[in-house]
Protein backbone atom coordinates (compact mmCIF):
# COMPACT_ATOMS: atom_id res chain seq x y z
CA UNK A 1 -0.01 -0.32 0.07
CA UNK A 2 2.73 2.48 0.57
CA UNK A 3 4.63 1.86 -2.42
CA UNK A 4 1.53 2.39 -3.94
CA UNK A 5 0.63 5.37 -2.48
CA UNK A 6 4.29 6.46 -3.38
CA UNK A 7 4.02 5.86 -7.08
CA UNK A 8 0.99 7.52 -7.48
CA UNK A 9 1.98 10.74 -5.76
CA UNK A 10 4.91 10.92 -8.00
CA UNK A 11 2.74 10.35 -11.18
CA UNK A 12 1.13 13.21 -10.00
CA UNK A 13 3.94 15.10 -9.53
CA UNK A 14 5.52 14.61 -12.76
CA UNK A 15 2.10 15.41 -14.49
CA UNK A 16 2.24 18.71 -12.26
CA UNK A 17 6.00 19.42 -13.48
CA UNK A 18 4.91 18.56 -16.88
CA UNK A 19 2.02 20.88 -17.06
CA UNK A 20 4.11 23.71 -15.48
CA UNK A 21 6.67 23.10 -17.99
CA UNK A 22 4.46 23.32 -21.51
CA UNK A 23 2.57 26.72 -19.91
CA UNK A 24 6.00 28.37 -20.10
CA UNK A 25 6.38 27.10 -23.36
CA UNK A 26 3.22 28.25 -24.88
CA UNK A 27 3.56 31.26 -22.89
CA UNK A 28 7.02 32.23 -24.01
CA UNK A 29 5.91 32.27 -27.95
CA UNK A 30 2.80 34.54 -26.90
CA UNK A 31 5.40 36.70 -24.96
CA UNK A 32 7.65 37.05 -27.79
CA UNK A 33 4.69 37.91 -30.13
CA UNK A 34 3.49 40.30 -28.34
CA UNK A 35 7.11 42.24 -27.40
CA UNK A 36 7.67 45.44 -29.21
CA UNK A 37 9.95 45.39 -32.55
CA UNK A 38 12.41 48.23 -32.67
CA UNK A 39 11.75 49.97 -35.85
CA UNK A 40 13.35 53.28 -37.86
CA UNK A 41 10.68 55.48 -39.24
CA UNK A 42 10.47 58.38 -41.48
CA UNK A 43 7.64 61.01 -42.31
CA UNK A 44 6.00 60.26 -45.70
CA UNK A 45 6.46 63.15 -47.85
CA UNK A 46 4.72 64.55 -50.90
CA UNK A 47 5.95 65.06 -54.26
CA UNK A 48 4.88 65.70 -57.55
CA UNK A 49 5.56 63.53 -60.20
CA UNK A 50 7.24 66.09 -62.73
CA UNK A 51 9.19 64.45 -65.62
CA UNK A 52 11.46 66.40 -67.82
CA UNK A 53 11.64 64.52 -71.11
CA UNK A 54 14.64 65.44 -73.39
CA UNK A 55 15.23 65.03 -77.43
CA UNK A 56 16.93 66.29 -80.12
CA UNK A 57 15.65 67.98 -82.99
CA UNK A 58 16.78 70.43 -86.30
CA UNK A 59 15.97 73.76 -86.23
CA UNK A 60 14.16 75.08 -89.37
CA UNK A 61 13.06 79.19 -90.57
CA UNK A 62 9.48 79.66 -90.15
CA UNK A 63 9.13 80.39 -93.69
CA UNK A 64 11.92 78.20 -96.43
CA UNK A 65 12.82 78.35 -99.81
CA UNK A 66 15.63 78.02 -102.85
CA UNK A 67 14.69 80.14 -105.43
CA UNK A 68 15.01 78.80 -108.56
CA UNK A 69 14.24 80.92 -112.01
CA UNK A 70 10.56 80.31 -114.09
CA UNK A 71 12.21 80.44 -117.33
CA UNK A 72 15.65 79.83 -119.14
CA UNK A 73 17.11 83.42 -120.07
CA UNK A 74 20.81 85.48 -119.63
CA UNK A 75 20.94 87.13 -115.92
CA UNK A 76 21.59 91.22 -116.74
CA UNK A 77 21.49 91.94 -113.15
CA UNK A 78 21.66 90.50 -109.23
CA UNK A 79 20.28 93.19 -106.73
CA UNK A 80 21.34 91.33 -103.67
CA UNK A 81 24.41 90.58 -101.30
CA UNK A 82 24.44 87.50 -98.91
CA UNK A 83 22.47 87.59 -95.58
CA UNK A 84 20.60 90.91 -97.00
CA UNK A 85 17.37 91.42 -95.41
CA UNK A 86 14.49 91.83 -98.06
CA UNK A 87 11.06 92.95 -98.61
CA UNK A 88 8.32 90.61 -100.42
CA UNK A 89 8.27 91.73 -104.21
CA UNK A 90 11.81 92.94 -104.07
CA UNK A 91 13.50 91.77 -107.62
CA UNK A 92 16.25 89.64 -106.60
CA UNK A 93 17.50 89.36 -110.12
CA UNK A 94 16.38 90.25 -113.59
CA UNK A 95 16.97 88.43 -116.78
CA UNK A 96 17.21 89.89 -120.38
CA UNK A 97 13.67 91.25 -120.99
CA UNK A 98 14.02 93.32 -124.16
CA UNK A 99 12.19 90.79 -126.35
CA UNK A 100 9.25 90.75 -123.74
CA UNK A 101 9.07 94.56 -123.69
CA UNK A 102 8.55 94.55 -127.47
CA UNK A 103 6.14 91.84 -127.73
CA UNK A 104 3.97 94.02 -124.46
CA UNK A 105 4.24 97.14 -127.05
CA UNK A 106 2.75 94.87 -130.06
CA UNK A 107 0.20 93.56 -128.10
CA UNK A 108 -0.79 96.65 -126.66
CA UNK A 109 -0.90 98.36 -130.08
CA UNK A 110 -3.06 95.83 -131.38
CA UNK A 111 -5.42 96.16 -128.13
CA UNK A 112 -6.23 99.17 -129.25
CA UNK A 113 -7.02 98.93 -132.82
CA UNK A 114 -9.55 95.96 -131.49
CA UNK A 115 -10.79 98.53 -129.15
CA UNK A 116 -11.00 101.11 -131.97
CA UNK A 117 -12.86 98.57 -134.70
CA UNK A 118 -15.04 97.02 -132.32
CA UNK A 119 -16.37 100.78 -131.19
CA UNK A 120 -17.07 101.61 -135.20
CA UNK A 121 -18.85 98.54 -135.47
CA UNK A 122 -20.64 99.20 -132.76
CA UNK A 123 -21.85 102.52 -133.80
CA UNK A 124 -22.85 100.92 -137.59
CA UNK A 125 -24.99 98.60 -136.40
CA UNK A 126 -27.50 101.13 -134.93
CA UNK A 127 -27.57 102.11 -138.51
CA UNK A 128 -27.43 99.34 -140.37
CA UNK A 129 -24.19 99.74 -141.77
CA UNK A 130 -22.95 96.46 -140.53
CA UNK A 131 -24.41 93.36 -140.00
CA UNK A 132 -24.62 92.17 -136.37
CA UNK A 133 -22.02 89.62 -136.79
CA UNK A 134 -19.38 91.81 -137.87
CA UNK A 135 -19.73 93.34 -133.80
CA UNK A 136 -19.72 89.63 -132.70
CA UNK A 137 -16.16 88.95 -134.37
CA UNK A 138 -15.08 92.55 -133.41
CA UNK A 139 -15.46 91.69 -129.93
CA UNK A 140 -14.04 88.87 -129.99
CA UNK A 141 -10.68 89.88 -131.87
CA UNK A 142 -10.75 92.64 -129.45
CA UNK A 143 -11.13 90.09 -126.27
CA UNK A 144 -8.55 88.25 -127.87
CA UNK A 145 -6.51 91.37 -128.39
CA UNK A 146 -6.56 91.75 -124.71
CA UNK A 147 -5.31 88.19 -123.48
CA UNK A 148 -2.43 88.71 -125.74
CA UNK A 149 -1.54 91.81 -124.21
CA UNK A 150 -2.10 89.89 -120.66
CA UNK A 151 0.34 87.54 -121.60
CA UNK A 152 2.63 89.77 -122.84
CA UNK A 153 2.96 91.19 -119.21
CA UNK A 154 2.98 88.00 -117.89
CA UNK A 155 6.49 86.85 -120.11
CA UNK A 156 8.25 90.10 -119.41
CA UNK A 157 7.05 89.92 -115.57
CA UNK A 158 9.02 86.57 -115.60
CA UNK A 159 11.92 87.62 -116.23
CA UNK A 160 12.17 89.15 -112.62
CA UNK A 161 12.54 86.73 -109.99
CA UNK A 162 11.61 88.20 -107.18
CA UNK A 163 11.19 87.67 -103.07
CA UNK A 164 7.98 85.60 -102.28
CA UNK A 165 8.34 86.97 -98.57
CA UNK A 166 10.06 88.95 -96.00
CA UNK A 167 13.62 87.38 -94.98
CA UNK A 168 17.00 87.33 -95.18
CA UNK A 169 18.80 85.70 -98.57
CA UNK A 170 21.70 83.79 -98.91
CA UNK A 171 24.97 83.75 -100.93
CA UNK A 172 23.99 84.41 -104.72
CA UNK A 173 24.45 81.77 -106.83
CA UNK A 174 24.83 83.50 -110.30
CA UNK A 175 26.36 86.52 -111.95
CA UNK A 176 25.57 88.94 -114.71
CA UNK A 177 25.63 87.41 -117.37
CA UNK A 178 25.49 83.85 -116.97
CA UNK A 179 22.38 81.38 -118.75
CA UNK A 180 20.42 80.46 -116.10
CA UNK A 181 17.12 77.84 -116.23
CA UNK A 182 14.36 76.45 -114.27
CA UNK A 183 16.86 74.11 -112.82
CA UNK A 184 19.31 76.62 -111.67
CA UNK A 185 19.57 77.49 -108.32
CA UNK A 186 19.89 81.25 -107.50
CA UNK A 187 19.91 81.66 -103.43
CA UNK A 188 17.94 80.32 -100.50
CA UNK A 189 15.39 82.95 -98.55
CA UNK A 190 14.53 82.30 -94.87
CA UNK A 191 12.22 84.15 -92.78
CA UNK A 192 14.23 83.32 -89.46
CA UNK A 193 12.28 85.79 -87.06
CA UNK A 194 10.78 82.68 -85.10
CA UNK A 195 12.68 79.18 -85.77
CA UNK A 196 11.09 76.08 -85.38
CA UNK A 197 12.45 72.71 -83.73
CA UNK A 198 11.01 69.46 -84.51
CA UNK A 199 11.48 66.39 -82.48
CA UNK A 200 10.02 63.20 -81.75
CA UNK A 201 7.67 62.59 -78.51
CA UNK A 202 6.90 58.86 -77.44
CA UNK A 203 3.00 57.67 -77.61
CA UNK A 204 3.34 57.44 -74.13
CA UNK A 205 3.40 61.59 -73.84
CA UNK A 206 0.96 62.28 -75.94
CA UNK A 207 -1.62 62.03 -73.03
CA UNK A 208 0.72 65.22 -71.33
CA UNK A 209 0.43 67.43 -74.27
CA UNK A 210 -3.64 67.64 -73.94
CA UNK A 211 -4.08 70.99 -72.50
CA UNK A 212 -7.70 71.70 -71.27
CA UNK A 213 -7.03 75.27 -70.93
CA UNK A 214 -5.41 75.98 -74.40
CA UNK A 215 -2.08 76.49 -73.09
CA UNK A 216 1.31 76.11 -74.54
CA UNK A 217 3.66 73.31 -73.30
CA UNK A 218 7.41 75.11 -72.73
CA UNK A 219 10.58 73.53 -73.64
CA UNK A 220 14.44 74.75 -73.61
CA UNK A 221 17.00 74.18 -75.87
CA UNK A 222 20.79 74.73 -76.51
CA UNK A 223 22.57 74.22 -79.36
CA UNK A 224 26.40 73.58 -79.77
CA UNK A 225 26.77 76.89 -81.50
CA UNK A 226 26.10 78.89 -77.74
CA UNK A 227 26.09 75.74 -75.24
CA UNK A 228 26.35 78.31 -72.48
CA UNK A 229 23.20 79.68 -73.50
CA UNK A 230 19.57 78.10 -73.02
CA UNK A 231 16.74 79.31 -75.24
CA UNK A 232 13.09 79.36 -74.48
CA UNK A 233 10.37 77.97 -76.43
CA UNK A 234 7.07 76.51 -76.63
CA UNK A 235 5.70 73.34 -78.39
CA UNK A 236 3.54 75.10 -80.71
CA UNK A 237 2.11 72.16 -83.19
CA UNK A 238 0.99 68.56 -82.88
CA UNK A 239 1.15 65.86 -86.11
CA UNK A 240 -2.39 64.49 -86.58
CA UNK A 241 -1.75 60.93 -85.77
CA UNK A 242 1.07 58.91 -84.04
CA UNK A 243 4.24 56.91 -86.18
CA UNK A 244 2.75 53.23 -85.81
CA UNK A 245 6.10 52.36 -86.38
CA UNK A 246 8.35 54.28 -84.08
CA UNK A 247 5.30 54.83 -81.91
CA UNK A 248 5.56 58.20 -81.95
CA UNK A 249 4.59 61.87 -81.87
CA UNK A 250 5.72 64.73 -83.77
CA UNK A 251 5.51 68.10 -82.15
CA UNK A 252 7.16 71.46 -83.03
CA UNK A 253 8.74 73.93 -80.77
CA UNK A 254 8.85 77.57 -81.85
CA UNK A 255 11.76 79.65 -80.51
CA UNK A 256 11.89 83.77 -81.04
CA UNK A 257 14.50 84.27 -83.19
CA UNK A 258 14.06 88.24 -83.21
CA UNK A 259 17.36 88.87 -82.35
CA UNK A 260 18.75 86.68 -85.27
CA UNK A 261 21.63 84.42 -83.16
CA UNK A 262 19.93 80.92 -85.23
CA UNK A 263 20.17 79.57 -88.21
CA UNK A 264 18.00 76.64 -89.92
CA UNK A 265 19.86 73.90 -89.74
CA UNK A 266 21.36 73.99 -86.49
CA UNK A 267 21.15 70.77 -83.94
CA UNK A 268 19.35 71.19 -80.54
CA UNK A 269 18.83 69.29 -77.42
CA UNK A 270 15.53 69.95 -76.42
CA UNK A 271 14.18 69.21 -72.85
CA UNK A 272 10.31 69.46 -71.73
CA UNK A 273 9.34 69.66 -68.44
CA UNK A 274 6.47 67.95 -67.71
CA UNK A 275 4.56 68.71 -64.30
CA UNK A 276 2.58 65.78 -62.56
CA UNK A 277 0.37 64.68 -60.00
CA UNK A 278 1.41 65.01 -56.45
CA UNK A 279 2.12 61.39 -54.62
CA UNK A 280 3.13 60.08 -51.34
CA UNK A 281 6.74 59.46 -51.44
CA UNK A 282 9.36 57.38 -49.07
CA UNK A 283 12.63 56.32 -49.44
CA UNK A 284 13.41 52.71 -51.58
CA UNK A 285 14.47 50.78 -48.53
CA UNK A 286 10.95 51.12 -47.30
CA UNK A 287 9.26 49.43 -50.59
CA UNK A 288 8.68 45.60 -49.58
CA UNK A 289 7.51 43.14 -52.29
CA UNK A 290 4.91 40.19 -51.72
CA UNK A 291 2.78 37.99 -54.40
CA UNK A 292 0.09 40.43 -54.24
CA UNK A 293 2.79 43.25 -55.17
CA UNK A 294 4.23 46.30 -53.66
CA UNK A 295 3.66 47.22 -50.12
CA UNK A 296 4.94 49.50 -47.13
CA UNK A 297 4.93 49.40 -43.11
CA UNK A 298 3.25 52.19 -41.85
CA UNK A 299 3.26 52.78 -38.21
CA UNK A 300 -0.54 53.90 -36.77
CA UNK A 301 -1.19 53.58 -32.75
CA UNK A 302 2.04 52.03 -32.07
CA UNK A 303 1.62 49.13 -34.20
CA UNK A 304 2.54 48.32 -37.62
CA UNK A 305 0.06 48.51 -40.56
CA UNK A 306 0.62 46.52 -43.69
CA UNK A 307 -0.42 48.85 -46.46
CA UNK A 308 -0.17 47.61 -50.25
CA UNK A 309 0.94 51.29 -52.60
CA UNK A 310 1.78 50.62 -56.20
CA UNK A 311 5.27 52.18 -57.40
CA UNK A 312 4.66 55.21 -59.63
CA UNK A 313 7.84 56.33 -60.24
CA UNK A 314 11.35 56.42 -58.79
CA UNK A 315 13.73 59.72 -58.33
CA UNK A 316 17.08 59.89 -56.49
CA UNK A 317 16.42 57.18 -54.21
CA UNK A 318 12.95 57.35 -53.82
CA UNK A 319 9.80 56.18 -54.80
CA UNK A 320 6.37 57.64 -55.55
CA UNK A 321 3.90 55.64 -54.53
CA UNK A 322 -0.18 55.15 -55.62
CA UNK A 323 -2.58 53.89 -52.58
CA UNK A 324 -3.70 54.46 -48.86
CA UNK A 325 -0.48 56.46 -47.80
CA UNK A 326 -0.65 60.21 -46.80
CA UNK A 327 1.57 63.03 -46.32
CA UNK A 328 2.90 62.97 -42.47
CA UNK A 329 2.74 59.06 -42.11
CA UNK A 330 5.33 57.36 -40.62
CA UNK A 331 6.58 54.71 -42.78
CA UNK A 332 9.31 52.14 -41.49
CA UNK A 333 12.67 52.10 -43.32
CA UNK A 334 14.48 49.77 -41.33
CA UNK A 335 13.02 46.64 -38.86
CA UNK A 336 10.57 45.20 -41.50
CA UNK A 337 12.36 41.81 -41.24
CA UNK A 338 10.46 41.27 -37.88
CA UNK A 339 7.23 43.00 -38.28
CA UNK A 340 3.63 41.48 -38.69
CA UNK A 341 0.32 42.70 -39.27
CA UNK A 342 -0.95 44.64 -35.66
CA UNK A 343 2.58 44.09 -34.16
CA UNK A 344 3.79 46.47 -31.81
CA UNK A 345 5.93 48.50 -32.09
CA UNK A 346 9.13 50.84 -30.48
CA UNK A 347 10.36 53.38 -32.72
CA UNK A 348 13.96 54.15 -32.40
CA UNK A 349 16.50 57.05 -33.45
CA UNK A 350 18.92 55.48 -35.98
CA UNK A 351 21.95 56.21 -33.19
CA UNK A 352 19.60 54.32 -30.35
CA UNK A 353 19.31 51.19 -32.15
């Protein structure tokens, strides 16, 4: 009986000790889970998603032509010099027009005679002196003579090569006495008060050019001719369609060149600053990735909160996010490995870590 009692007492003692040990083992993880995790945080900042697009383009004058004569003839005079500013209608070269002047005089005399004959017939038909058919024939002859006079004047005018618009001419390519034809280049003429720069923008930026207020987007441009100077312009025109092969849209920027420093044909590196929407911004090390995408740990009311956030852009070691993250929120930048949802945390300074 004594032996049985001792065995029973030892069995109860062992069970009691086992229960205490089990309680300690189950309590330890709970205590570890509830123990605050030390983390380092930074406040969330709000940053505009501004972008800068750069492209290379070539300058061209607002109006630009190569000038050729319309007829074959000998040059009798050149009336311009290189880099001379001319007005629309100014005579640049004169071709030999002696035959054309004689033709104009002859056509004028013939038109005058035809007019006189028509006048006499119109008076005579009233008295029955001539039939109506003669009057009609005289009227047709007069109209033909007038057309011949106009053709003679046109032939005379083609012997003068004139400036089609205001601008600056280039180097004369002919001299008096040269025989020229429609294929002979006389010079170039440019209206370079405004310089156009065409460049390609990607299809993804086409929406940024749709300004509901109708304001033009400004660009800056630099050229190797003036490497230390920036020229300001604006996007003034767009192509009507996106190139289906390159997936780009042609944009044209207008640059004021009233000081006449720039020349058509110069190369330009353009920069277009594109304003963007405001987004929450955090350091790159704060962004974590899971099966559902990117997320960050925010500290709210002393506990960790896993917050999904989509990455919009990266700038200088920081990430712009789209999600339920506001300015001033505290985001965890160190200590994320031990965090769990609703995990109590203790925020420490970097030096206290």
